[in-house]
Amino acid sequence: MAVYTVHGPASYYGTDVRTAPEQLVFVRDGFYFWAFVASIFWLLWHRLWLATFGYLVITIAAEIAMWSFGVGSGARFVVMAVIALLVGLEAGSLRRWKLSRRKWRQLDIVVADSEEAAERRFFERWNAKTARDGNRGNASAPPPLPRASLTQSESVIGLFPEPGASR
């Protein structure tokens, strides 16, 4: 099973997603084979312009450095394969970074076998949430963040309890 993050434009944060579901983007977390095999084309296909520029700078700088030090072709291949492997591993993160730079919000995280199943699961959960919330204000607004408790002792650090305190 794959993990998908669901992203929508910033205007979705306070409105209902069902008004324009075609604008939602589902980004799979994991290894992207085509980003590994054809990194430059995959980056251009997904319009990751800054990532493409960074990829070109890193590969050209690595090639120039290896050429100036007289590194053999086997080592050059390994270095380029490692760079391609990193692009394949971080491809989903690069897409999420692009969406966050465009002020898109992460709406949900869905676990499913395919992107289509992730879409179905997301909208089933979204519809159930809006039906459960009813007409209590803005049903699509996220829940408020939890506030820190003011009754906790200031001497406690992290998750460790105070010595001698009851459990």
Foldseek 3Di string as FASTA:
>chain_A
DWKWWKKAAPVCQQAPCVVPVVRIDIFTAFFDPCCLVPVLVVCVVLVLVVVNVVLVVVLVVVVVVCVVVVPDPVVNVVVSNVSSRVCRNCVSVSSVVVCVVNVMDGQDMADDDDPVVRVVVVVVVLVVQCVVVDPPDRSSHDDDDDDDDPPDDPPDDDPDDDPPDDD
